[in-house]
Protein backbone atom coordinates (compact mmCIF):
# COMPACT_ATOMS: atom_id res chain seq x y z
CA UNK A 1 -15.26 13.23 -42.75
CA UNK A 2 -11.87 11.48 -42.20
CA UNK A 3 -10.79 11.28 -45.78
CA UNK A 4 -7.23 13.02 -45.69
CA UNK A 5 -5.57 9.95 -43.89
CA UNK A 6 -6.52 7.32 -46.43
CA UNK A 7 -5.79 9.67 -49.12
CA UNK A 8 -2.16 10.22 -47.81
CA UNK A 9 -1.45 6.66 -47.05
CA UNK A 10 -2.60 5.93 -50.92
CA UNK A 11 -0.37 8.70 -52.03
CA UNK A 12 2.51 7.23 -50.16
CA UNK A 13 2.01 3.80 -51.63
CA UNK A 14 1.46 5.15 -55.00
CA UNK A 15 4.88 7.34 -54.87
CA UNK A 16 6.67 3.99 -53.72
CA UNK A 17 5.13 1.73 -56.47
CA UNK A 18 6.48 4.44 -59.16
CA UNK A 19 9.86 4.85 -57.26
CA UNK A 20 10.18 0.94 -57.22
CA UNK A 21 9.15 0.68 -60.89
CA UNK A 22 11.61 2.90 -61.94
CA UNK A 23 14.42 1.85 -59.78
CA UNK A 24 13.82 -2.13 -60.57
CA UNK A 25 13.61 -1.14 -64.25
CA UNK A 26 16.88 0.84 -64.30
CA UNK A 27 18.45 -2.20 -62.30
CA UNK A 28 17.50 -4.57 -64.84
CA UNK A 29 18.39 -2.70 -67.73
CA UNK A 30 21.76 -1.54 -66.64
CA UNK A 31 22.76 -5.08 -64.96
CA UNK A 32 22.63 -8.10 -67.59
CA UNK A 33 23.63 -10.55 -65.02
CA UNK A 34 20.67 -9.30 -62.66
CA UNK A 35 18.13 -9.64 -65.50
CA UNK A 36 19.31 -13.06 -66.35
CA UNK A 37 18.74 -14.15 -62.82
CA UNK A 38 15.41 -12.70 -62.84
CA UNK A 39 14.45 -14.20 -66.04
CA UNK A 40 15.58 -17.45 -65.07
CA UNK A 41 13.65 -17.26 -61.79
CA UNK A 42 10.56 -16.43 -63.68
CA UNK A 43 11.29 -18.90 -66.58
CA UNK A 44 10.97 -16.30 -69.22
CA UNK A 45 14.36 -16.51 -70.40
CA UNK A 46 13.39 -16.70 -74.29
CA UNK A 47 11.20 -13.89 -74.22
CA UNK A 48 12.50 -10.29 -75.40
CA UNK A 49 11.91 -7.26 -73.17
CA UNK A 50 11.13 -9.01 -69.68
CA UNK A 51 12.39 -6.01 -67.74
CA UNK A 52 8.94 -4.78 -68.09
CA UNK A 53 7.98 -7.53 -65.56
CA UNK A 54 9.80 -5.15 -63.02
CA UNK A 55 6.61 -3.00 -63.22
CA UNK A 56 4.21 -5.63 -62.10
CA UNK A 57 6.67 -6.46 -59.25
CA UNK A 58 6.77 -2.56 -58.48
CA UNK A 59 2.90 -2.45 -58.21
CA UNK A 60 2.82 -5.39 -56.32
CA UNK A 61 5.24 -3.93 -53.87
CA UNK A 62 3.27 -0.73 -53.67
CA UNK A 63 -0.07 -2.65 -53.01
CA UNK A 64 1.11 -4.42 -50.25
CA UNK A 65 2.59 -1.54 -48.64
CA UNK A 66 -0.80 0.41 -49.22
CA UNK A 67 -2.60 -2.77 -47.45
CA UNK A 68 0.09 -2.39 -44.52
CA UNK A 69 -0.01 1.25 -44.17
CA UNK A 70 -3.92 1.34 -44.08
CA UNK A 71 -4.23 -1.55 -41.81
CA UNK A 72 -1.97 -0.04 -39.36
CA UNK A 73 -3.33 3.41 -39.72
CA UNK A 74 -6.91 2.25 -39.44
CA UNK A 75 -5.76 0.36 -36.35
CA UNK A 76 -4.45 3.13 -34.77
CA UNK A 77 -6.47 6.47 -36.26
CA UNK A 78 -9.77 4.81 -36.21
CA UNK A 79 -9.54 2.18 -33.43
CA UNK A 80 -10.54 -0.93 -36.06
CA UNK A 81 -9.56 -4.08 -34.44
CA UNK A 82 -7.42 -6.46 -35.98
CA UNK A 83 -10.26 -9.15 -35.99
CA UNK A 84 -12.45 -7.09 -38.12
CA UNK A 85 -9.56 -6.55 -40.55
CA UNK A 86 -8.75 -10.28 -40.40
CA UNK A 87 -12.26 -11.24 -41.20
CA UNK A 88 -12.81 -8.73 -44.03
CA UNK A 89 -9.13 -9.67 -45.35
CA UNK A 90 -10.12 -13.34 -45.59
CA UNK A 91 -13.56 -13.01 -46.93
CA UNK A 92 -12.47 -10.66 -49.78
CA UNK A 93 -9.26 -12.86 -50.45
CA UNK A 94 -11.43 -15.97 -50.56
CA UNK A 95 -13.93 -14.08 -53.18
CA UNK A 96 -10.91 -12.83 -54.85
CA UNK A 97 -9.49 -16.48 -55.53
CA UNK A 98 -12.89 -17.56 -56.63
CA UNK A 99 -13.43 -14.69 -58.84
CA UNK A 100 -10.13 -15.39 -60.51
CA UNK A 101 -10.94 -18.93 -61.09
CA UNK A 102 -14.47 -18.28 -62.43
CA UNK A 103 -12.84 -15.57 -64.84
CA UNK A 104 -10.16 -17.62 -65.99
CA UNK A 105 -12.60 -20.67 -66.53
CA UNK A 106 -14.90 -18.28 -68.39
CA UNK A 107 -11.91 -17.21 -70.65
CA UNK A 108 -11.19 -20.96 -71.16
CA UNK A 109 -14.65 -22.14 -71.99
CA UNK A 110 -15.48 -19.07 -74.32
CA UNK A 111 -12.43 -18.92 -76.14
CA UNK A 112 -13.70 -20.62 -79.24
CA UNK A 113 -16.52 -17.79 -79.67
CA UNK A 114 -14.45 -15.09 -79.46
CA UNK A 115 -11.81 -13.72 -82.05
CA UNK A 116 -8.34 -12.56 -80.54
CA UNK A 117 -7.87 -10.66 -83.82
CA UNK A 118 -10.17 -7.66 -83.43
CA UNK A 119 -10.57 -5.24 -80.72
CA UNK A 120 -14.45 -6.04 -80.21
CA UNK A 121 -13.23 -10.00 -79.93
CA UNK A 122 -11.05 -9.30 -77.33
CA UNK A 123 -13.03 -6.71 -75.69
CA UNK A 124 -15.93 -9.09 -75.51
CA UNK A 125 -13.84 -11.89 -74.10
CA UNK A 126 -12.63 -9.80 -71.45
CA UNK A 127 -16.16 -8.17 -70.61
CA UNK A 128 -17.55 -11.71 -70.46
CA UNK A 129 -14.97 -13.03 -68.16
CA UNK A 130 -14.99 -9.87 -66.05
CA UNK A 131 -18.81 -10.11 -65.48
CA UNK A 132 -18.44 -13.84 -64.41
CA UNK A 133 -15.88 -12.77 -62.07
CA UNK A 134 -18.01 -10.01 -60.68
CA UNK A 135 -20.89 -12.18 -60.33
CA UNK A 136 -18.63 -14.96 -58.41
CA UNK A 137 -17.46 -12.05 -55.95
CA UNK A 138 -20.99 -11.32 -55.18
CA UNK A 139 -22.16 -14.74 -54.77
CA UNK A 140 -19.28 -15.46 -52.69
CA UNK A 141 -19.62 -12.68 -50.51
CA UNK A 142 -23.23 -13.35 -50.18
CA UNK A 143 -22.48 -16.89 -49.35
CA UNK A 144 -20.12 -15.78 -46.40
CA UNK A 145 -22.69 -13.41 -45.35
CA UNK A 146 -20.14 -10.54 -45.63
CA UNK A 147 -21.42 -7.56 -43.27
CA UNK A 148 -20.92 -4.90 -45.69
CA UNK A 149 -22.60 -6.44 -48.49
CA UNK A 150 -25.58 -7.47 -46.36
CA UNK A 151 -25.78 -3.76 -45.41
CA UNK A 152 -25.83 -2.84 -49.00
CA UNK A 153 -28.44 -5.40 -50.07
CA UNK A 154 -30.52 -4.11 -47.01
CA UNK A 155 -30.42 -0.82 -47.99
CA UNK A 156 -31.45 -1.59 -51.68
CA UNK A 157 -34.25 -3.84 -50.35
CA UNK A 158 -35.67 -1.08 -48.06
CA UNK A 159 -35.18 1.71 -50.73
CA UNK A 160 -36.79 -0.09 -53.81
CA UNK A 161 -38.58 -3.30 -52.85
CA UNK A 162 -40.40 -2.36 -49.75
CA UNK A 163 -40.94 1.44 -50.77
CA UNK A 164 -44.85 2.14 -50.82
CA UNK A 165 -45.87 3.07 -54.42
CA UNK A 166 -46.73 6.66 -54.82
CA UNK A 167 -49.69 6.77 -57.40
CA UNK A 168 -52.15 9.38 -58.22
CA UNK A 169 -55.46 9.14 -56.19
CA UNK A 170 -58.10 7.23 -58.32
CA UNK A 171 -60.88 9.40 -59.87
CA UNK A 172 -64.67 8.64 -59.54
CA UNK A 173 -66.69 8.32 -62.62
CA UNK A 174 -68.45 11.23 -61.90
CA UNK A 175 -65.12 13.43 -61.42
CA UNK A 176 -64.05 12.58 -65.23
């Protein structure tokens, strides 16, 4: 199909993310005044090695650029209407916010059952929160009657639940 265009847009955004990360990191390391301003603005002045936060900022900038490039590209190249994009963006944005809240709540609620001192404790805690977040996304998109999710559910329903069972013909007692 038409996979080269999205691949190219994602590649450009990835290169920009890496370049922004390197540039911001170099700027913060070489300029203590800029690092002090960033630390004060983010309220992390008393934490060492805060320059690494530049990587998160760079990733965010690259992600925003990726969305903008894909939005513009799909609108022109595939003639996808802005209304379709806006609806999908609102549905998935709402689902992401709900999922983040549910995952955070799951982390807070199950904190007393998992040890943060062991690999398996951290892994189990994170896996449980991720599962709760994924379930929240599914339920939210289903509640919003997301077109894509409804299509996937319909396909699974047709493939598995409404499929006729293939079974051997029953043998009569005289054949056995």
